[in-house]
Amino acid sequence: MAWEMYRRTSRPSPKSPTITLGKNGIIGLNTAVVRILGDRKYGLLMFDREKGLIGIRILKKAEPDAYPIGVIPKKSHATVSGVAFMKTYGIELIETRAFPATYDEKSNTFVADVSEFVKGKGE
């Protein structure tokens, strides 16, 4: 017999939160983040200038500075508009990049280090 290996067409669901910054300014949140979101569908976008960290604090209710988090129907990922946010803090990407994120339960905040892509950082 000549066995042929079947190649998966989809990846297994990730176990670790990941934040993806699109070169177009869209912020993507993977399945692991969506699982933690639950019924919280708003996010406050934050930035630590000293360390080059982005933070997304998730909320149940809209606040004046919160952005809606759009979860797709299959709940495999979500998105947040980050165009103005990325421009304001000089986060410049030539291509879309994914960053590992940590989740702080006390503050309901996802944090990712984007320092290498902050204009003027480390120059």
Protein backbone atom coordinates (compact mmCIF):
# COMPACT_ATOMS: atom_id res chain seq x y z
CA MET A 1 0.00 0.00 0.00
CA ALA A 2 1.09 3.53 -0.70
CA TRP A 3 -0.13 5.73 2.13
CA GLU A 4 -0.78 9.37 1.47
CA MET A 5 -0.68 11.74 4.43
CA TYR A 6 -3.75 13.94 4.82
CA ARG A 7 -2.76 17.51 5.63
CA ARG A 8 -5.03 19.48 7.95
CA THR A 9 -6.63 22.50 6.38
CA SER A 10 -7.27 24.23 9.70
CA ARG A 11 -5.18 24.75 12.78
CA PRO A 12 -6.14 23.58 16.26
CA SER A 13 -7.56 26.28 18.51
CA PRO A 14 -4.76 28.15 20.23
CA LYS A 15 -4.50 27.83 23.99
CA SER A 16 -2.62 31.11 24.54
CA PRO A 17 -4.03 34.61 24.00
CA THR A 18 -2.66 36.42 20.97
CA ILE A 19 -3.19 39.98 19.81
CA THR A 20 -2.62 40.62 16.12
CA LEU A 21 -1.90 44.13 14.86
CA GLY A 22 -2.80 44.58 11.24
CA LYS A 23 -0.79 46.93 9.05
CA ASN A 24 -4.20 48.45 8.23
CA GLY A 25 -4.84 49.28 11.91
CA ILE A 26 -7.22 46.45 12.77
CA ILE A 27 -6.50 44.69 16.06
CA GLY A 28 -7.28 40.97 15.98
CA LEU A 29 -7.99 38.79 19.01
CA ASN A 30 -7.65 35.02 18.73
CA THR A 31 -9.91 32.22 19.99
CA ALA A 32 -8.18 32.07 23.38
CA VAL A 33 -9.03 35.75 23.93
CA VAL A 34 -12.61 35.28 22.72
CA ARG A 35 -13.12 32.48 25.27
CA ILE A 36 -12.06 34.82 28.08
CA LEU A 37 -14.21 37.71 26.77
CA GLY A 38 -17.48 35.94 27.57
CA ASP A 39 -20.21 38.59 27.52
CA ARG A 40 -17.74 41.50 27.68
CA LYS A 41 -17.92 43.14 24.26
CA TYR A 42 -16.11 46.46 24.76
CA GLY A 43 -12.45 47.31 25.14
CA LEU A 44 -10.43 50.25 26.38
CA LEU A 45 -7.22 50.58 24.38
CA MET A 46 -4.21 51.54 26.49
CA PHE A 47 -0.50 52.10 25.93
CA ASP A 48 2.55 52.14 28.21
CA ARG A 49 5.01 54.53 26.50
CA GLU A 50 7.96 53.54 28.71
CA LYS A 51 7.72 49.82 28.05
CA GLY A 52 6.05 49.77 24.63
CA LEU A 53 3.12 47.67 25.85
CA ILE A 54 -0.42 47.74 24.55
CA GLY A 55 -3.30 46.86 26.83
CA ILE A 56 -6.91 46.03 26.08
CA ARG A 57 -9.14 46.24 29.15
CA ILE A 58 -12.35 44.33 28.49
CA LEU A 59 -15.70 45.66 29.72
CA LYS A 60 -19.32 44.50 29.85
CA LYS A 61 -20.79 47.94 29.18
CA ALA A 62 -19.82 50.69 26.79
CA GLU A 63 -17.90 53.64 28.18
CA PRO A 64 -17.14 56.90 26.33
CA ASP A 65 -13.60 55.81 25.41
CA ALA A 66 -14.35 52.10 24.84
CA TYR A 67 -14.38 50.46 21.43
CA PRO A 68 -16.81 47.69 20.48
CA ILE A 69 -15.20 44.28 20.14
CA GLY A 70 -16.62 42.51 17.11
CA VAL A 71 -16.77 38.77 17.66
CA ILE A 72 -17.46 36.76 14.52
CA PRO A 73 -20.44 34.35 14.68
CA LYS A 74 -18.27 31.20 14.92
CA LYS A 75 -16.42 32.83 17.85
CA SER A 76 -13.05 31.91 16.36
CA HIS A 77 -11.73 35.48 16.60
CA ALA A 78 -12.67 39.10 17.23
CA THR A 79 -11.56 42.51 16.03
CA VAL A 80 -11.23 46.05 17.33
CA SER A 81 -10.55 49.17 15.28
CA GLY A 82 -7.13 50.49 16.23
CA VAL A 83 -6.21 52.84 13.37
CA ALA A 84 -6.15 56.08 15.41
CA PHE A 85 -4.67 54.27 18.43
CA MET A 86 -1.72 52.93 16.43
CA LYS A 87 -1.11 56.30 14.74
CA THR A 88 -1.26 58.18 18.06
CA TYR A 89 1.40 55.99 19.66
CA GLY A 90 3.60 55.55 16.57
CA ILE A 91 3.06 51.81 16.24
CA GLU A 92 4.19 51.15 12.68
CA LEU A 93 4.00 47.80 10.95
CA ILE A 94 5.04 46.90 7.41
CA GLU A 95 3.10 43.65 7.68
CA THR A 96 0.48 42.19 10.00
CA ARG A 97 2.09 40.73 13.14
CA ALA A 98 0.86 38.54 15.99
CA PHE A 99 2.03 39.13 19.56
CA PRO A 100 1.68 36.77 22.52
CA ALA A 101 -0.50 38.34 25.19
CA THR A 102 -0.96 37.84 28.89
CA TYR A 103 -4.25 38.28 30.71
CA ASP A 104 -4.48 40.01 34.07
CA GLU A 105 -7.70 38.80 35.73
CA LYS A 106 -7.72 41.56 38.37
CA SER A 107 -7.86 44.36 35.82
CA ASN A 108 -9.49 42.36 32.99
CA THR A 109 -6.66 43.45 30.72
CA PHE A 110 -4.77 41.73 27.91
CA VAL A 111 -1.19 42.98 27.53
CA ALA A 112 1.25 42.55 24.62
CA ASP A 113 4.78 43.87 24.07
CA VAL A 114 4.99 45.80 20.78
CA SER A 115 8.06 47.87 21.72
CA GLU A 116 10.11 46.88 18.68
CA PHE A 117 7.46 48.45 16.41
CA VAL A 118 7.06 51.79 18.20
CA LYS A 119 8.54 54.63 16.16
CA GLY A 120 11.36 56.33 18.05
CA LYS A 121 11.64 53.55 20.65
CA GLY A 122 15.20 52.33 21.02
CA GLU A 123 16.65 54.79 18.49
